[in-house]
Amino acid sequence: MGKKHFIFFGLALALVSCAEKETFRFKVHGGEGKTQTVPVALNAQELSGLGWTMDDDLVLLKNQKEIPFQIDKAQKKLWFLHNADSSASYNFEKIEETDVEGETRVAITKNDGNLDISTDGKPVLTYRYGMTYPPKGVDSIFKKSGYIHPVRTPSGDILSRIQPPDHYHHYGIWGPWTHTQIEGQQVDFWNLGDKKGTVLFKEFNQMASGPIFGAFSASQEHIDFLTNEEPQVALNENLEIKVWNLDRPDRYIFDYTTTFSSPLESGILFEAYRYGGGIGMRFTERWHKDNCAVLTSEGNDRLTADGTNARWCIVSGASADGKGTSGILFMSYPDNRSHPEPMRIWPIDGNGGRGDMFFEFCPIRHKEWKIEPNKDYQLKYRMVVFDGKLSADEAEAYWQAFATKKEIEILK
C-alpha cells in the first residue's frame, strides 16, 4: 500500500485544529455479537477541530500497521474497514510527501452502454445505462435502460436475470413503481407491456474508484406515457450504487440508495400494491422450488415470507457448479418507509409449478404513499453477495452494522 492516499472528487476535508499535533488517535467501539468486517466512516463533524486537511500526506494505522482509507466527497466522509462488533484504536499520522499512490481495488469502467464494477480485477456487477432491446419478435415497448445486471458472486456465478419469457419487463435489480395515480389516472412504470410508463437512464452524476469502494450515481427518469401531448417526467430519481471491498474472497457488499421527487404540481400517489418501488430482483433461471431458500429476520421461509415484514432477508440457492451455495442478504434501513419492510416473494408453486425466485422489499405493499411535489424522498438498502453460506447470526450482525452508527471516541 502506498503512502499517499486517494483524494477522491478533489475533496479537501478538514481533519484537525491542533496543527502542532502529528498524530490523531480515535477509537471505534464495538458491541456484542457476531464479528463482521464492514465499512465504517468518520464524518466532517467528527473530524472538525483537529487542523489537518486531506491535502496533507497521511497514513491510517491500526496496531502500527497501515490500512487503506478512502474519501467520499458527496457524503463528506472518510471510510475504512472495521470489525463491526469489536473495539479498536486507530491513528492518523503525517508523513513526508511522496508521489506513490495506493492501489485501486474497486474499479469502474464504461463499455458499450455498460458501467462495470470489479473488485481485485474480477467483475461483480454491471449497471446498464445503454438501451437494451427485447428479443426479436417481442414488442419494442419492453426496451429498457437503468438497471443492474449481471450481479455476480465473488466466484463469478451470475445471480440475476433479465427479460425472462414469462416477464419480459423483469430487469435484474430495479425498482419501478407499479400502481400509481397522476391526477386521478393510473400509471404503471413496472409493467412495460401496458404501455403506460417506463424508467430510463438519463445521465451520470458522480463516479469513484479506490481501495475501499467503487461508486456512481445516476439520474433516472420515470416517464408517464398517458399524457395528451408528449410523455412527461413524473419522477426524477438519483440512484447511488456503492460496492465495498471486504478484503475476503467469498463476500462483498453493495449499497443501493434511491432519492426521488416529483416535478408535477399535484405530485403522485403510490397506491398500495404487492409490487412496486423499493428494490426488486429476478433471480437466475437455475433457481427453482427445489434448490433455493429464503430466511428472514423474523424466521420466515420460502413458504411463509411473502407479505410479511422483515429487517433483512437471505435468498440463497445452488451454485452454478452444483457443488455449493451462493446468495444475497438484503437489508432494509430503519429510516425507510414501512420499515421493517413488507416483502414480495414468489410462491413456491409459481410459474407453472417451477417456483422461480423473485424477491422485493415493497414499502407500499400494505399502505399507499403520497409523494408531494418537489419534495425529496429516500430509500436505502444494503446487500451482501456471497459464495458458501451466511448464517442468521451473521445476517443480524451485518444489519446492525448497517442500521446503527458506530460510536467513535476521539482520544487525547
Protein backbone atom coordinates (compact mmCIF):
# COMPACT_ATOMS: atom_id res chain seq x y z
CA MET A 1 0.00 0.00 0.00
CA GLY A 2 1.45 3.35 -0.99
CA LYS A 3 1.93 6.29 1.33
CA LYS A 4 -0.06 8.93 -0.49
CA HIS A 5 -3.70 8.02 -0.23
CA PHE A 6 -6.59 8.85 -2.50
CA ILE A 7 -8.20 12.33 -2.55
CA PHE A 8 -11.39 11.39 -4.38
CA PHE A 9 -13.50 14.01 -6.16
CA GLY A 10 -10.83 16.61 -5.33
CA LEU A 11 -12.06 16.74 -1.72
CA ALA A 12 -10.29 18.82 0.91
CA LEU A 13 -11.82 17.55 4.15
CA ALA A 14 -10.72 19.19 7.43
CA LEU A 15 -9.34 16.70 9.92
CA VAL A 16 -7.87 18.73 12.80
CA SER A 17 -7.46 22.06 14.53
CA CYS A 18 -4.35 21.24 16.55
CA ALA A 19 -1.72 21.96 13.89
CA GLU A 20 1.17 21.13 16.21
CA LYS A 21 -0.08 17.55 16.58
CA GLU A 22 1.43 14.99 14.25
CA THR A 23 -0.85 12.13 15.33
CA PHE A 24 -4.64 11.96 15.56
CA ARG A 25 -5.98 8.96 17.54
CA PHE A 26 -9.53 7.65 17.74
CA LYS A 27 -11.32 4.51 18.90
CA VAL A 28 -14.25 2.71 17.31
CA HIS A 29 -16.35 1.00 19.96
CA GLY A 30 -17.88 -2.40 19.26
CA GLY A 31 -20.89 -4.23 20.61
CA GLU A 32 -21.72 -7.84 21.30
CA GLY A 33 -22.47 -10.45 18.68
CA LYS A 34 -21.01 -11.98 15.54
CA THR A 35 -17.93 -10.11 14.28
CA GLN A 36 -18.15 -8.96 10.66
CA THR A 37 -15.89 -6.69 8.65
CA VAL A 38 -17.91 -3.70 7.43
CA PRO A 39 -17.23 -0.16 6.18
CA VAL A 40 -17.13 2.50 8.92
CA ALA A 41 -16.89 6.27 8.44
CA LEU A 42 -15.54 9.33 10.16
CA ASN A 43 -17.59 12.35 9.10
CA ALA A 44 -16.68 16.01 8.78
CA GLN A 45 -18.24 16.98 12.12
CA GLU A 46 -16.32 14.30 14.00
CA LEU A 47 -13.10 15.40 12.29
CA SER A 48 -13.52 19.15 12.64
CA GLY A 49 -11.29 20.80 15.21
CA LEU A 50 -8.08 18.92 14.50
CA GLY A 51 -6.35 21.17 11.91
CA TRP A 52 -5.26 18.80 9.16
CA THR A 53 -6.69 18.53 5.67
CA MET A 54 -6.72 15.74 3.12
CA ASP A 55 -4.17 17.79 1.18
CA ASP A 56 -1.74 16.58 3.83
CA ASP A 57 0.04 13.29 3.24
CA LEU A 58 -1.45 10.90 5.78
CA VAL A 59 -1.48 7.25 6.72
CA LEU A 60 -4.08 5.38 8.78
CA LEU A 61 -2.64 2.86 11.23
CA LYS A 62 -4.14 0.06 13.29
CA ASN A 63 -1.76 -1.76 15.65
CA GLN A 64 1.08 0.07 13.85
CA LYS A 65 0.01 -1.49 10.55
CA GLU A 66 -1.04 0.76 7.70
CA ILE A 67 -4.59 0.20 6.42
CA PRO A 68 -6.37 1.76 3.42
CA PHE A 69 -8.96 4.51 3.62
CA GLN A 70 -10.99 6.46 1.07
CA ILE A 71 -12.83 9.78 0.90
CA ASP A 72 -16.42 10.24 -0.28
CA LYS A 73 -16.91 13.89 -1.24
CA ALA A 74 -20.68 13.62 -1.69
CA GLN A 75 -21.16 12.35 1.87
CA LYS A 76 -18.11 14.19 3.30
CA LYS A 77 -16.94 11.01 4.99
CA LEU A 78 -13.71 9.10 5.33
CA TRP A 79 -14.24 5.33 5.02
CA PHE A 80 -12.21 2.35 6.23
CA LEU A 81 -12.92 -1.30 7.12
CA HIS A 82 -13.59 -2.31 10.72
CA ASN A 83 -14.71 -5.45 12.57
CA ALA A 84 -18.22 -4.35 13.48
CA ASP A 85 -18.62 -5.98 16.89
CA SER A 86 -15.15 -5.41 18.29
CA SER A 87 -13.43 -2.27 19.57
CA ALA A 88 -10.22 -0.98 18.01
CA SER A 89 -8.00 2.10 18.12
CA TYR A 90 -6.64 3.86 15.05
CA ASN A 91 -4.05 6.61 14.34
CA PHE A 92 -3.70 9.13 11.54
CA GLU A 93 -0.08 10.23 11.05
CA LYS A 94 1.51 12.88 8.83
CA ILE A 95 4.31 11.70 6.57
CA GLU A 96 6.72 13.20 4.07
CA GLU A 97 5.18 13.84 0.67
CA THR A 98 5.50 11.07 -1.87
CA ASP A 99 4.15 10.62 -5.38
CA VAL A 100 3.32 6.94 -4.89
CA GLU A 101 -0.42 6.20 -4.75
CA GLY A 102 -2.21 3.23 -3.27
CA GLU A 103 -3.80 0.54 -5.41
CA THR A 104 -7.33 0.73 -6.77
CA ARG A 105 -9.07 -2.46 -5.65
CA VAL A 106 -12.63 -1.49 -6.64
CA ALA A 107 -12.66 -0.15 -10.20
CA ILE A 108 -15.30 1.27 -12.54
CA THR A 109 -15.14 1.09 -16.33
CA LYS A 110 -17.61 2.05 -19.09
CA ASN A 111 -18.01 -0.11 -22.17
CA ASP A 112 -20.73 -0.18 -24.83
CA GLY A 113 -23.57 1.01 -22.59
CA ASN A 114 -22.41 -0.93 -19.54
CA LEU A 115 -20.86 0.51 -16.39
CA ASP A 116 -18.89 -2.37 -14.88
CA ILE A 117 -17.67 -2.56 -11.29
CA SER A 118 -14.91 -5.02 -10.39
CA THR A 119 -13.11 -5.94 -7.17
CA ASP A 120 -9.48 -7.06 -7.38
CA GLY A 121 -9.86 -7.39 -11.15
CA LYS A 122 -12.98 -9.59 -11.01
CA PRO A 123 -16.31 -8.24 -12.33
CA VAL A 124 -19.06 -8.18 -9.69
CA LEU A 125 -21.94 -6.12 -11.05
CA THR A 126 -22.96 -4.03 -14.04
CA TYR A 127 -25.26 -1.03 -14.34
CA ARG A 128 -26.80 -0.92 -17.81
CA TYR A 129 -27.13 2.69 -18.97
CA GLY A 130 -27.44 1.86 -22.67
CA MET A 131 -30.77 0.73 -24.12
CA THR A 132 -31.48 -3.00 -24.07
CA TYR A 133 -33.99 -4.22 -26.64
CA PRO A 134 -36.19 -7.29 -26.27
CA PRO A 135 -35.65 -10.45 -28.34
CA LYS A 136 -36.65 -10.43 -31.98
CA GLY A 137 -40.41 -10.68 -32.39
CA VAL A 138 -41.17 -9.15 -28.98
CA ASP A 139 -42.80 -5.68 -28.79
CA SER A 140 -40.12 -2.97 -28.54
CA ILE A 141 -42.12 -1.38 -25.69
CA PHE A 142 -40.13 -3.78 -23.46
CA LYS A 143 -36.85 -1.94 -24.17
CA LYS A 144 -35.11 -0.68 -21.04
CA SER A 145 -32.12 1.15 -19.58
CA GLY A 146 -31.21 1.97 -15.98
CA TYR A 147 -30.98 -1.41 -14.22
CA ILE A 148 -28.39 -3.69 -12.61
CA HIS A 149 -27.39 -6.91 -14.40
CA PRO A 150 -25.48 -9.08 -14.14
CA VAL A 151 -24.93 -9.44 -10.40
CA ARG A 152 -22.09 -11.88 -9.84
CA THR A 153 -20.85 -13.64 -6.72
CA PRO A 154 -17.12 -13.33 -5.93
CA SER A 155 -16.55 -16.68 -7.67
CA GLY A 156 -18.32 -15.45 -10.80
CA ASP A 157 -21.78 -17.06 -10.52
CA ILE A 158 -24.45 -14.84 -12.13
CA LEU A 159 -27.44 -14.47 -9.79
CA SER A 160 -29.63 -12.01 -11.75
CA ARG A 161 -31.74 -12.40 -14.88
CA ILE A 162 -33.32 -10.06 -17.45
CA GLN A 163 -36.17 -10.42 -19.97
CA PRO A 164 -37.38 -13.89 -18.94
CA PRO A 165 -40.09 -15.05 -21.38
CA ASP A 166 -42.66 -15.15 -18.58
CA HIS A 167 -41.99 -11.49 -17.64
CA TYR A 168 -40.12 -9.54 -20.33
CA HIS A 169 -40.30 -6.44 -18.12
CA HIS A 170 -38.08 -8.02 -15.41
CA TYR A 171 -34.61 -6.46 -15.43
CA GLY A 172 -32.15 -7.85 -12.87
CA ILE A 173 -32.28 -5.43 -9.94
CA TRP A 174 -34.59 -2.47 -10.46
CA GLY A 175 -37.34 -0.54 -8.66
CA PRO A 176 -40.15 0.99 -10.75
CA TRP A 177 -43.41 1.93 -9.06
CA THR A 178 -46.41 -0.08 -10.20
CA HIS A 179 -49.92 1.19 -9.47
CA THR A 180 -49.63 4.98 -9.24
CA GLN A 181 -52.12 7.80 -9.70
CA ILE A 182 -51.36 11.04 -11.53
CA GLU A 183 -54.28 13.46 -11.47
CA GLY A 184 -56.67 10.55 -10.99
CA GLN A 185 -55.25 8.43 -13.83
CA GLN A 186 -53.46 5.14 -13.10
CA VAL A 187 -49.91 5.00 -14.48
CA ASP A 188 -47.75 1.85 -14.28
CA PHE A 189 -43.95 2.23 -14.58
CA TRP A 190 -43.34 -1.50 -13.91
CA ASN A 191 -45.46 -3.48 -16.37
CA LEU A 192 -43.96 -2.15 -19.60
CA GLY A 193 -46.37 -4.12 -21.75
CA ASP A 194 -49.25 -1.95 -20.54
CA LYS A 195 -47.61 0.99 -22.37
CA LYS A 196 -48.37 3.42 -19.55
CA GLY A 197 -44.86 4.29 -18.37
CA THR A 198 -41.21 3.32 -18.00
CA VAL A 199 -38.00 4.22 -16.14
CA LEU A 200 -34.91 5.17 -18.17
CA PHE A 201 -31.33 6.27 -17.52
CA LYS A 202 -30.66 9.98 -18.11
CA GLU A 203 -27.06 10.80 -17.09
CA PHE A 204 -24.27 10.06 -14.64
CA ASN A 205 -23.56 12.48 -11.80
CA GLN A 206 -20.52 11.10 -9.98
CA MET A 207 -18.10 8.17 -10.11
CA ALA A 208 -15.27 6.97 -7.88
CA SER A 209 -12.83 4.06 -7.70
CA GLY A 210 -10.43 3.20 -4.90
CA PRO A 211 -9.14 0.75 -2.29
CA ILE A 212 -12.36 0.58 -0.23
CA PHE A 213 -15.25 1.22 -2.62
CA GLY A 214 -16.31 1.94 -6.16
CA ALA A 215 -19.37 4.13 -6.56
CA PHE A 216 -21.51 6.03 -9.01
CA SER A 217 -24.73 8.00 -9.01
CA ALA A 218 -27.08 8.21 -11.98
CA SER A 219 -30.15 10.26 -12.81
CA GLN A 220 -33.15 8.19 -13.92
CA GLU A 221 -36.50 9.44 -15.20
CA HIS A 222 -39.88 7.83 -14.50
CA ILE A 223 -41.81 8.69 -17.67
CA ASP A 224 -45.60 8.88 -17.91
CA PHE A 225 -46.88 7.94 -21.39
CA LEU A 226 -50.55 8.72 -20.67
CA THR A 227 -50.47 12.43 -21.44
CA ASN A 228 -52.41 14.24 -24.15
CA GLU A 229 -49.29 15.54 -25.84
CA GLU A 230 -45.69 14.43 -25.21
CA PRO A 231 -44.76 11.98 -22.41
CA GLN A 232 -43.95 13.72 -19.14
CA VAL A 233 -41.42 13.04 -16.38
CA ALA A 234 -43.41 12.07 -13.28
CA LEU A 235 -40.43 11.32 -11.02
CA ASN A 236 -36.79 12.37 -11.03
CA GLU A 237 -34.58 9.80 -9.34
CA ASN A 238 -30.96 9.81 -8.24
CA LEU A 239 -29.68 6.25 -7.88
CA GLU A 240 -26.43 5.76 -5.96
CA ILE A 241 -24.62 2.41 -6.04
CA LYS A 242 -21.58 1.75 -3.88
CA VAL A 243 -19.64 -1.54 -3.95
CA TRP A 244 -17.46 -2.29 -0.91
CA ASN A 245 -14.34 -4.42 -0.90
CA LEU A 246 -14.40 -6.53 2.30
CA ASP A 247 -10.90 -7.95 1.77
CA ARG A 248 -12.22 -11.52 1.72
CA PRO A 249 -12.65 -13.89 -1.25
CA ASP A 250 -16.22 -15.03 -0.66
CA ARG A 251 -18.24 -11.85 0.05
CA TYR A 252 -18.72 -8.23 -0.93
CA ILE A 253 -21.24 -5.54 0.00
CA PHE A 254 -23.13 -3.15 -2.22
CA ASP A 255 -25.42 -0.30 -1.24
CA TYR A 256 -28.45 0.81 -3.25
CA THR A 257 -29.81 4.27 -2.37
CA THR A 258 -32.64 5.87 -4.31
CA THR A 259 -33.62 9.52 -3.80
CA PHE A 260 -36.63 10.73 -5.77
CA SER A 261 -39.03 13.64 -6.17
CA SER A 262 -41.96 14.58 -8.40
CA PRO A 263 -41.92 17.77 -10.51
CA LEU A 264 -45.70 17.53 -11.04
CA GLU A 265 -47.88 20.18 -9.41
CA SER A 266 -50.17 17.54 -7.94
CA GLY A 267 -47.36 15.12 -7.03
CA ILE A 268 -48.03 11.42 -7.42
CA LEU A 269 -49.78 8.75 -5.35
CA PHE A 270 -48.22 5.31 -4.97
CA GLU A 271 -51.18 3.00 -4.45
CA ALA A 272 -50.92 0.09 -2.03
CA TYR A 273 -49.97 -2.97 -4.10
CA ARG A 274 -47.92 -6.15 -3.74
CA TYR A 275 -45.33 -4.92 -6.28
CA GLY A 276 -43.66 -1.56 -6.70
CA GLY A 277 -40.67 0.58 -5.83
CA GLY A 278 -38.24 -0.42 -3.12
CA ILE A 279 -35.79 -2.87 -4.61
CA GLY A 280 -36.76 -5.90 -6.69
CA MET A 281 -34.67 -8.72 -8.12
CA ARG A 282 -35.39 -11.50 -10.58
CA PHE A 283 -33.01 -14.35 -9.84
CA THR A 284 -31.21 -16.74 -12.15
CA GLU A 285 -33.18 -19.32 -14.12
CA ARG A 286 -31.08 -22.00 -12.39
CA TRP A 287 -33.03 -21.49 -9.17
CA HIS A 288 -36.44 -23.04 -8.59
CA LYS A 289 -38.54 -24.53 -5.79
CA ASP A 290 -36.16 -27.44 -5.20
CA ASN A 291 -32.82 -25.66 -4.97
CA CYS A 292 -33.30 -22.19 -3.42
CA ALA A 293 -34.32 -20.99 0.03
CA VAL A 294 -35.42 -17.91 1.98
CA LEU A 295 -34.81 -16.90 5.59
CA THR A 296 -35.98 -13.61 7.09
CA SER A 297 -35.08 -11.73 10.26
CA GLU A 298 -38.45 -12.85 11.69
CA GLY A 299 -37.75 -16.53 10.98
CA ASN A 300 -39.98 -16.91 7.91
CA ASP A 301 -39.01 -19.13 4.98
CA ARG A 302 -39.93 -19.52 1.29
CA LEU A 303 -43.39 -20.83 2.22
CA THR A 304 -44.31 -18.14 4.76
CA ALA A 305 -42.30 -14.97 3.98
CA ASP A 306 -44.47 -13.39 1.26
CA GLY A 307 -46.38 -10.38 2.59
CA THR A 308 -44.57 -10.36 5.93
CA ASN A 309 -42.22 -7.63 7.19
CA ALA A 310 -38.50 -8.00 7.83
CA ARG A 311 -35.31 -6.11 8.61
CA TRP A 312 -33.34 -8.49 6.44
CA CYS A 313 -33.85 -11.48 4.17
CA ILE A 314 -31.38 -14.11 2.91
CA VAL A 315 -32.09 -15.58 -0.53
CA SER A 316 -29.76 -18.47 -1.39
CA GLY A 317 -29.56 -21.32 -3.85
CA ALA A 318 -27.40 -23.85 -5.63
CA SER A 319 -24.17 -22.58 -7.13
CA ALA A 320 -23.57 -22.91 -10.86
CA ASP A 321 -21.35 -25.98 -10.47
CA GLY A 322 -23.92 -27.68 -8.24
CA LYS A 323 -21.33 -28.24 -5.52
CA GLY A 324 -22.22 -25.44 -3.10
CA THR A 325 -24.49 -22.49 -2.46
CA SER A 326 -24.49 -18.75 -3.07
CA GLY A 327 -26.89 -15.91 -2.45
CA ILE A 328 -27.69 -12.39 -1.34
CA LEU A 329 -28.56 -10.92 2.04
CA PHE A 330 -30.99 -7.99 1.54
CA MET A 331 -31.18 -5.35 4.28
CA SER A 332 -33.65 -2.50 4.82
CA TYR A 333 -32.57 0.72 6.55
CA PRO A 334 -34.54 1.79 9.66
CA ASP A 335 -35.46 5.18 8.14
CA ASN A 336 -37.13 3.54 5.15
CA ARG A 337 -40.85 3.91 4.80
CA SER A 338 -42.73 0.96 6.38
CA HIS A 339 -39.58 -0.46 8.00
CA PRO A 340 -39.39 -3.34 8.85
CA GLU A 341 -40.42 -3.59 5.23
CA PRO A 342 -43.05 -5.78 3.60
CA MET A 343 -41.76 -8.23 1.01
CA ARG A 344 -42.98 -9.80 -2.20
CA ILE A 345 -41.58 -13.31 -2.59
CA TRP A 346 -42.98 -15.51 -5.32
CA PRO A 347 -44.93 -18.56 -4.13
CA ILE A 348 -43.19 -21.89 -4.39
CA ASP A 349 -45.73 -23.14 -6.94
CA GLY A 350 -45.45 -20.06 -9.20
CA ASN A 351 -44.57 -20.03 -12.91
CA GLY A 352 -46.39 -23.25 -13.76
CA GLY A 353 -45.04 -25.05 -10.71
CA ARG A 354 -41.35 -24.25 -11.30
CA GLY A 355 -41.15 -21.94 -8.33
CA ASP A 356 -38.77 -19.40 -9.91
CA MET A 357 -37.28 -16.89 -7.47
CA PHE A 358 -38.30 -13.25 -7.25
CA PHE A 359 -37.65 -11.02 -4.22
CA GLU A 360 -38.70 -7.46 -3.43
CA PHE A 361 -38.74 -5.07 -0.49
CA CYS A 362 -42.04 -3.30 -1.21
CA PRO A 363 -42.73 -0.30 1.07
CA ILE A 364 -46.22 0.30 -0.39
CA ARG A 365 -47.46 -3.28 -0.17
CA HIS A 366 -49.93 -2.57 2.64
CA LYS A 367 -50.28 1.22 2.64
CA GLU A 368 -50.38 3.90 -0.07
CA TRP A 369 -47.76 6.66 -0.17
CA LYS A 370 -48.49 10.22 -1.24
CA ILE A 371 -45.49 11.89 -2.90
CA GLU A 372 -45.80 15.65 -2.53
CA PRO A 373 -44.49 17.87 -5.34
CA ASN A 374 -40.82 18.93 -5.29
CA LYS A 375 -40.06 17.09 -2.05
CA ASP A 376 -37.21 14.58 -1.72
CA TYR A 377 -37.85 11.02 -0.53
CA GLN A 378 -35.24 8.32 0.04
CA LEU A 379 -34.94 4.55 0.43
CA LYS A 380 -31.68 2.82 1.41
CA TYR A 381 -30.76 -0.83 1.04
CA ARG A 382 -27.62 -2.87 1.55
CA MET A 383 -26.81 -6.28 0.07
CA VAL A 384 -24.15 -8.84 0.95
CA VAL A 385 -23.40 -11.05 -2.06
CA PHE A 386 -21.79 -14.31 -1.01
CA ASP A 387 -20.46 -17.70 -2.01
CA GLY A 388 -20.95 -20.51 0.50
CA LYS A 389 -23.29 -19.96 3.43
CA LEU A 390 -24.34 -16.97 5.52
CA SER A 391 -25.98 -17.65 8.89
CA ALA A 392 -28.83 -15.83 10.62
CA ASP A 393 -26.40 -14.57 13.29
CA GLU A 394 -24.12 -13.17 10.59
CA ALA A 395 -27.09 -11.55 8.83
CA GLU A 396 -28.16 -9.85 12.06
CA ALA A 397 -24.60 -8.59 12.65
CA TYR A 398 -24.45 -7.14 9.13
CA TRP A 399 -27.83 -5.46 9.61
CA GLN A 400 -26.85 -3.99 13.00
CA ALA A 401 -23.70 -2.54 11.41
CA PHE A 402 -25.78 -1.05 8.58
CA ALA A 403 -28.58 0.26 10.78
CA THR A 404 -26.66 1.78 13.69
CA LYS A 405 -23.94 4.42 13.72
CA LYS A 406 -20.72 3.26 15.33
CA GLU A 407 -19.60 5.09 18.48
CA ILE A 408 -16.29 6.85 17.75
CA GLU A 409 -14.23 8.31 20.57
CA ILE A 410 -11.54 10.91 19.89
CA LEU A 411 -8.51 10.01 22.03
CA LYS A 412 -6.36 12.74 23.52
